[in-house]
N, C-alpha and C. Protein backbone atom coordinates (compact mmCIF):
# COMPACT_ATOMS: atom_id res chain seq x y z
N MET A 1 0.89 -1.20 -0.06
CA MET A 1 0.02 -0.03 0.01
C MET A 1 0.89 1.24 -0.08
N GLN A 2 0.46 2.24 -0.77
CA GLN A 2 1.23 3.46 -0.86
C GLN A 2 0.37 4.68 -0.72
N THR A 3 0.76 5.63 0.05
CA THR A 3 -0.01 6.81 0.27
C THR A 3 0.62 7.97 -0.61
N ILE A 4 -0.20 8.66 -1.35
CA ILE A 4 0.34 9.83 -2.24
C ILE A 4 -0.44 11.12 -1.61
N ASN A 5 0.41 12.02 -1.33
CA ASN A 5 -0.14 13.38 -0.98
C ASN A 5 -0.49 14.15 -2.20
N MET A 6 -1.75 14.18 -2.50
CA MET A 6 -2.18 14.81 -3.73
C MET A 6 -2.08 16.37 -3.64
N GLY A 7 -1.77 16.89 -2.51
CA GLY A 7 -1.55 18.36 -2.35
C GLY A 7 -0.27 18.76 -2.99
N SER A 8 0.74 17.83 -3.02
CA SER A 8 1.99 18.17 -3.58
C SER A 8 2.24 17.40 -4.82
N THR A 9 1.63 16.26 -5.05
CA THR A 9 1.74 15.50 -6.24
C THR A 9 0.42 15.13 -6.88
N LEU A 10 0.13 15.67 -8.06
CA LEU A 10 -1.22 15.40 -8.64
C LEU A 10 -1.29 14.15 -9.42
N THR A 11 -0.16 13.56 -9.80
CA THR A 11 -0.21 12.29 -10.65
C THR A 11 0.77 11.26 -10.03
N ALA A 12 0.41 10.18 -10.25
CA ALA A 12 1.35 8.93 -9.84
C ALA A 12 1.35 7.93 -10.95
N THR A 13 2.48 7.45 -11.22
CA THR A 13 2.67 6.50 -12.40
C THR A 13 3.09 5.11 -11.72
N TYR A 14 2.38 4.13 -12.09
CA TYR A 14 2.74 2.74 -11.61
C TYR A 14 3.01 1.89 -12.79
N THR A 15 3.93 0.95 -12.63
CA THR A 15 4.13 -0.06 -13.72
C THR A 15 3.87 -1.46 -13.17
N PHE A 16 2.93 -2.12 -13.77
CA PHE A 16 2.54 -3.41 -13.29
C PHE A 16 3.19 -4.46 -14.18
N PRO A 17 3.70 -5.57 -13.62
CA PRO A 17 4.32 -6.62 -14.43
C PRO A 17 3.36 -7.55 -15.14
N ALA A 18 1.97 -7.39 -14.80
CA ALA A 18 0.97 -8.26 -15.41
C ALA A 18 -0.34 -7.65 -15.13
N ASP A 19 -1.40 -8.11 -15.92
CA ASP A 19 -2.72 -7.60 -15.64
C ASP A 19 -3.32 -8.27 -14.35
N VAL A 20 -3.85 -7.50 -13.45
CA VAL A 20 -4.44 -7.97 -12.25
C VAL A 20 -5.63 -7.13 -11.86
N TRP A 21 -6.36 -7.61 -10.82
CA TRP A 21 -7.39 -6.82 -10.26
C TRP A 21 -6.81 -5.89 -9.21
N LEU A 22 -7.21 -4.64 -9.25
CA LEU A 22 -6.71 -3.57 -8.36
C LEU A 22 -7.69 -2.90 -7.56
N LYS A 23 -7.38 -2.47 -6.39
CA LYS A 23 -8.23 -1.64 -5.52
C LYS A 23 -7.47 -0.34 -5.10
N PHE A 24 -8.21 0.77 -5.34
CA PHE A 24 -7.63 2.01 -5.01
C PHE A 24 -8.55 2.70 -4.04
N VAL A 25 -8.07 3.18 -2.92
CA VAL A 25 -8.83 3.98 -1.93
C VAL A 25 -8.35 5.48 -1.98
N CYS A 26 -9.30 6.31 -2.20
CA CYS A 26 -9.10 7.76 -2.22
C CYS A 26 -9.65 8.46 -1.02
N THR A 27 -8.88 9.03 -0.26
CA THR A 27 -9.37 9.82 0.92
C THR A 27 -9.07 11.26 0.76
N VAL A 28 -10.10 12.10 0.80
CA VAL A 28 -9.82 13.57 0.64
C VAL A 28 -10.36 14.15 1.96
N THR A 29 -9.40 14.95 2.52
CA THR A 29 -9.76 15.66 3.77
C THR A 29 -9.89 17.13 3.58
N ASP A 30 -11.10 17.63 3.93
CA ASP A 30 -11.49 19.08 3.70
C ASP A 30 -10.62 19.90 4.80
N ASN A 31 -9.90 20.85 4.21
CA ASN A 31 -9.12 21.69 5.12
C ASN A 31 -9.87 22.60 6.01
N VAL A 32 -11.16 22.93 5.72
CA VAL A 32 -12.05 23.65 6.55
C VAL A 32 -12.60 22.90 7.62
N SER A 33 -13.41 21.83 7.33
CA SER A 33 -14.07 21.05 8.30
C SER A 33 -13.24 19.91 8.91
N GLY A 34 -12.26 19.46 8.12
CA GLY A 34 -11.32 18.39 8.52
C GLY A 34 -11.98 17.00 8.47
N SER A 35 -13.23 16.95 7.92
CA SER A 35 -13.86 15.62 7.78
C SER A 35 -13.40 15.03 6.42
N PRO A 36 -13.04 13.73 6.41
CA PRO A 36 -12.68 12.96 5.29
C PRO A 36 -13.81 12.52 4.38
N TRP A 37 -13.54 12.45 3.13
CA TRP A 37 -14.37 11.80 2.21
C TRP A 37 -13.64 10.67 1.57
N VAL A 38 -14.23 9.50 1.58
CA VAL A 38 -13.57 8.21 1.18
C VAL A 38 -14.33 7.61 0.07
N THR A 39 -13.50 7.21 -1.01
CA THR A 39 -14.19 6.40 -2.08
C THR A 39 -13.23 5.29 -2.44
N THR A 40 -13.75 4.22 -2.82
CA THR A 40 -12.97 3.05 -3.31
C THR A 40 -13.26 2.74 -4.87
N VAL A 41 -12.16 2.57 -5.53
CA VAL A 41 -12.31 2.26 -6.96
C VAL A 41 -11.71 0.87 -7.21
N TYR A 42 -12.38 0.01 -7.88
CA TYR A 42 -11.94 -1.33 -8.27
C TYR A 42 -11.65 -1.27 -9.75
N ILE A 43 -10.44 -1.80 -10.22
CA ILE A 43 -10.11 -1.86 -11.55
C ILE A 43 -9.51 -3.18 -11.97
N VAL A 44 -9.91 -3.55 -13.18
CA VAL A 44 -9.20 -4.82 -13.75
C VAL A 44 -8.17 -4.16 -14.86
N ALA A 45 -6.89 -4.34 -14.50
CA ALA A 45 -5.85 -3.82 -15.51
C ALA A 45 -5.90 -4.72 -16.72
N GLN A 46 -5.85 -4.19 -17.88
CA GLN A 46 -5.97 -4.92 -19.18
C GLN A 46 -4.94 -4.51 -20.13
N GLY A 47 -4.01 -3.79 -19.85
CA GLY A 47 -3.05 -3.25 -20.92
C GLY A 47 -2.31 -4.42 -21.60
N TYR A 48 -1.76 -5.33 -20.84
CA TYR A 48 -1.05 -6.46 -21.44
C TYR A 48 -1.87 -7.24 -22.26
N TYR A 49 -3.12 -7.51 -21.78
CA TYR A 49 -4.14 -8.28 -22.55
C TYR A 49 -4.36 -7.71 -24.00
N TRP A 50 -4.74 -6.45 -24.02
CA TRP A 50 -4.99 -5.84 -25.33
C TRP A 50 -3.82 -5.78 -26.30
N ASN A 51 -2.63 -5.60 -25.69
CA ASN A 51 -1.42 -5.60 -26.60
C ASN A 51 -1.24 -6.97 -27.24
N ALA A 52 -1.40 -8.07 -26.41
CA ALA A 52 -1.27 -9.42 -26.96
C ALA A 52 -2.44 -9.65 -27.89
N TYR A 53 -3.71 -9.29 -27.57
CA TYR A 53 -4.83 -9.61 -28.37
C TYR A 53 -4.67 -8.95 -29.73
N LEU A 54 -4.25 -7.69 -29.83
CA LEU A 54 -4.05 -7.09 -31.20
C LEU A 54 -3.07 -7.75 -32.02
N ALA A 55 -1.93 -8.11 -31.40
CA ALA A 55 -0.85 -8.78 -32.10
C ALA A 55 -1.36 -10.21 -32.59
N GLN A 56 -2.08 -10.79 -31.80
CA GLN A 56 -2.56 -12.23 -32.18
C GLN A 56 -3.70 -12.09 -33.25
N PHE A 57 -4.54 -11.13 -33.12
CA PHE A 57 -5.61 -10.83 -34.00
C PHE A 57 -5.13 -10.50 -35.38
N ASN A 58 -4.14 -9.66 -35.53
CA ASN A 58 -3.50 -9.24 -36.79
C ASN A 58 -2.73 -10.43 -37.44
N ALA A 59 -2.16 -11.19 -36.58
CA ALA A 59 -1.36 -12.37 -37.09
C ALA A 59 -2.20 -13.52 -37.57
N THR A 60 -3.41 -13.53 -37.19
CA THR A 60 -4.32 -14.78 -37.54
C THR A 60 -5.44 -14.34 -38.46
N ASN A 61 -5.13 -13.67 -39.51
CA ASN A 61 -6.04 -13.22 -40.60
C ASN A 61 -7.26 -12.50 -40.14
N CYS A 62 -7.19 -11.84 -38.98
CA CYS A 62 -8.21 -10.91 -38.37
C CYS A 62 -9.61 -11.41 -38.44
N GLY A 63 -9.72 -12.73 -38.33
CA GLY A 63 -11.07 -13.37 -38.28
C GLY A 63 -11.75 -13.34 -39.65
N CYS A 64 -11.04 -12.99 -40.76
CA CYS A 64 -11.80 -12.96 -42.09
C CYS A 64 -12.16 -14.29 -42.60
N GLN A 65 -11.33 -15.33 -42.27
CA GLN A 65 -11.55 -16.67 -42.86
C GLN A 65 -11.85 -17.71 -41.76
N GLY A 66 -11.69 -17.45 -40.58
CA GLY A 66 -11.86 -18.37 -39.48
C GLY A 66 -11.71 -17.62 -38.15
N ASN A 67 -12.20 -18.20 -37.14
CA ASN A 67 -12.09 -17.59 -35.85
C ASN A 67 -10.97 -18.29 -35.03
N ASN A 68 -10.27 -17.45 -34.31
CA ASN A 68 -9.22 -18.13 -33.36
C ASN A 68 -9.95 -18.44 -32.09
N CYS A 69 -10.01 -19.78 -31.84
CA CYS A 69 -10.82 -20.12 -30.62
C CYS A 69 -10.20 -19.62 -29.38
N ASN A 70 -8.93 -19.55 -29.31
CA ASN A 70 -8.27 -19.08 -28.10
C ASN A 70 -8.59 -17.55 -27.86
N LEU A 71 -8.73 -16.74 -28.91
CA LEU A 71 -9.05 -15.38 -28.80
C LEU A 71 -10.42 -15.26 -28.23
N GLU A 72 -11.29 -16.18 -28.72
CA GLU A 72 -12.73 -16.20 -28.22
C GLU A 72 -12.77 -16.46 -26.80
N LYS A 73 -12.07 -17.46 -26.36
CA LYS A 73 -11.98 -17.89 -24.89
C LYS A 73 -11.38 -16.74 -24.12
N SER A 74 -10.40 -16.04 -24.68
CA SER A 74 -9.74 -14.93 -23.96
C SER A 74 -10.74 -13.87 -23.70
N GLN A 75 -11.60 -13.52 -24.79
CA GLN A 75 -12.61 -12.49 -24.66
C GLN A 75 -13.70 -12.88 -23.64
N LEU A 76 -14.06 -14.13 -23.54
CA LEU A 76 -15.01 -14.62 -22.55
C LEU A 76 -14.51 -14.45 -21.21
N SER A 77 -13.16 -14.72 -21.00
CA SER A 77 -12.52 -14.55 -19.73
C SER A 77 -12.44 -13.07 -19.23
N LEU A 78 -12.10 -12.18 -20.20
CA LEU A 78 -12.00 -10.82 -20.00
C LEU A 78 -13.38 -10.25 -19.53
N GLN A 79 -14.44 -10.64 -20.20
CA GLN A 79 -15.75 -10.23 -19.86
C GLN A 79 -16.12 -10.71 -18.48
N ALA A 80 -15.76 -11.93 -18.13
CA ALA A 80 -16.11 -12.48 -16.89
C ALA A 80 -15.37 -11.64 -15.79
N ALA A 81 -14.09 -11.24 -16.04
CA ALA A 81 -13.35 -10.39 -15.08
C ALA A 81 -14.03 -9.17 -14.93
N LEU A 82 -14.50 -8.51 -16.02
CA LEU A 82 -15.15 -7.21 -15.80
C LEU A 82 -16.45 -7.33 -15.06
N ARG A 83 -17.12 -8.33 -15.26
CA ARG A 83 -18.47 -8.53 -14.53
C ARG A 83 -18.16 -8.83 -13.06
N PHE A 84 -17.26 -9.72 -12.74
CA PHE A 84 -16.96 -9.97 -11.36
C PHE A 84 -16.43 -8.73 -10.65
N ASN A 85 -15.72 -7.79 -11.38
CA ASN A 85 -15.24 -6.54 -10.85
C ASN A 85 -16.35 -5.71 -10.35
N LEU A 86 -17.68 -5.80 -11.00
CA LEU A 86 -18.72 -5.06 -10.57
C LEU A 86 -19.20 -5.33 -9.11
N ALA A 87 -18.87 -6.59 -8.67
CA ALA A 87 -19.21 -6.84 -7.32
C ALA A 87 -18.28 -6.37 -6.25
N GLY A 88 -17.22 -5.63 -6.73
CA GLY A 88 -16.34 -5.06 -5.83
C GLY A 88 -15.40 -6.06 -5.03
N LEU A 89 -15.27 -5.82 -3.81
CA LEU A 89 -14.39 -6.66 -3.00
C LEU A 89 -14.91 -8.19 -3.05
N ALA A 90 -16.24 -8.39 -3.11
CA ALA A 90 -16.71 -9.66 -3.14
C ALA A 90 -16.34 -10.54 -4.42
N GLY A 91 -16.13 -9.82 -5.48
CA GLY A 91 -15.66 -10.50 -6.70
C GLY A 91 -14.23 -10.38 -7.03
N ALA A 92 -13.43 -9.81 -6.10
CA ALA A 92 -11.99 -9.61 -6.36
C ALA A 92 -11.30 -10.90 -6.79
N ALA A 93 -11.39 -11.94 -6.11
CA ALA A 93 -10.63 -13.14 -6.43
C ALA A 93 -11.04 -13.69 -7.69
N SER A 94 -12.29 -13.77 -7.99
CA SER A 94 -12.80 -14.24 -9.30
C SER A 94 -12.26 -13.24 -10.50
N ALA A 95 -12.44 -11.94 -10.26
CA ALA A 95 -11.95 -11.07 -11.40
C ALA A 95 -10.51 -11.20 -11.60
N ASN A 96 -9.67 -11.32 -10.52
CA ASN A 96 -8.29 -11.53 -10.76
C ASN A 96 -8.02 -12.85 -11.45
N ALA A 97 -8.65 -13.93 -11.08
CA ALA A 97 -8.43 -15.23 -11.74
C ALA A 97 -8.87 -15.16 -13.15
N CYS A 98 -9.94 -14.40 -13.49
CA CYS A 98 -10.36 -14.37 -14.94
C CYS A 98 -9.41 -13.51 -15.83
N ILE A 99 -8.95 -12.45 -15.28
CA ILE A 99 -7.95 -11.68 -16.12
C ILE A 99 -6.70 -12.38 -16.38
N ILE A 100 -6.30 -13.26 -15.33
CA ILE A 100 -5.13 -14.09 -15.52
C ILE A 100 -5.49 -15.11 -16.67
N MET A 101 -6.61 -15.70 -16.62
CA MET A 101 -7.02 -16.64 -17.66
C MET A 101 -7.11 -16.06 -19.00
N ALA A 102 -7.68 -14.78 -19.03
CA ALA A 102 -7.72 -14.13 -20.40
C ALA A 102 -6.38 -13.94 -21.01
N ASN A 103 -5.34 -13.65 -20.18
CA ASN A 103 -3.97 -13.41 -20.68
C ASN A 103 -3.34 -14.78 -21.02
N TYR A 104 -3.76 -15.86 -20.20
CA TYR A 104 -3.25 -17.16 -20.73
C TYR A 104 -3.71 -17.55 -22.09
N TRP A 105 -5.10 -17.33 -22.27
CA TRP A 105 -5.74 -17.77 -23.60
C TRP A 105 -5.18 -16.88 -24.73
N VAL A 106 -5.02 -15.62 -24.59
CA VAL A 106 -4.55 -14.69 -25.56
C VAL A 106 -3.11 -14.94 -26.00
N ASN A 107 -2.39 -15.64 -25.18
CA ASN A 107 -0.90 -15.78 -25.40
C ASN A 107 -0.69 -17.31 -25.85
N GLN A 108 -1.75 -18.10 -26.05
CA GLN A 108 -1.53 -19.43 -26.65
C GLN A 108 -1.34 -19.50 -28.13
N ASN A 109 -0.85 -20.54 -28.55
CA ASN A 109 -0.81 -20.81 -30.04
C ASN A 109 -2.18 -20.72 -30.60
N ILE A 110 -2.39 -20.32 -31.83
CA ILE A 110 -3.76 -20.27 -32.39
C ILE A 110 -4.41 -21.65 -32.53
N VAL A 111 -5.70 -21.69 -32.39
CA VAL A 111 -6.48 -22.92 -32.69
C VAL A 111 -7.49 -22.22 -33.59
N SER A 112 -7.45 -22.54 -34.89
CA SER A 112 -8.50 -21.98 -35.76
C SER A 112 -9.73 -22.85 -35.81
N GLN A 113 -10.89 -22.25 -35.86
CA GLN A 113 -12.15 -22.92 -35.98
C GLN A 113 -12.86 -22.25 -37.24
N LEU A 114 -13.08 -23.05 -38.18
CA LEU A 114 -13.73 -22.54 -39.41
C LEU A 114 -15.23 -22.55 -39.24
N MET A 115 -15.86 -21.44 -39.66
CA MET A 115 -17.31 -21.38 -39.54
C MET A 115 -18.00 -22.02 -40.61
């Protein structure tokens, strides 16, 4: 856990080694009343996923002649991660597991399925 004083630093940059489920807690204290306002934000990091997806999609005929089954499975896993994320803390473990699986599927060798 890291605390950032937004009074002196308005931005923070983080580098993640992999896509994961993240929780951010923002606490703002009013200088006049001194009472804090707290909000929590849950995020499924997807940067690595989309980089791999686009590379795989472009390398496998962009779905023009057949569908890459692994890309389809990766999309289903990503959508599951995003849906579990809506549950907040209760869905954290499932959201994290699903984004990990999405990255697993998107980085596998292609398995083409002709329609």
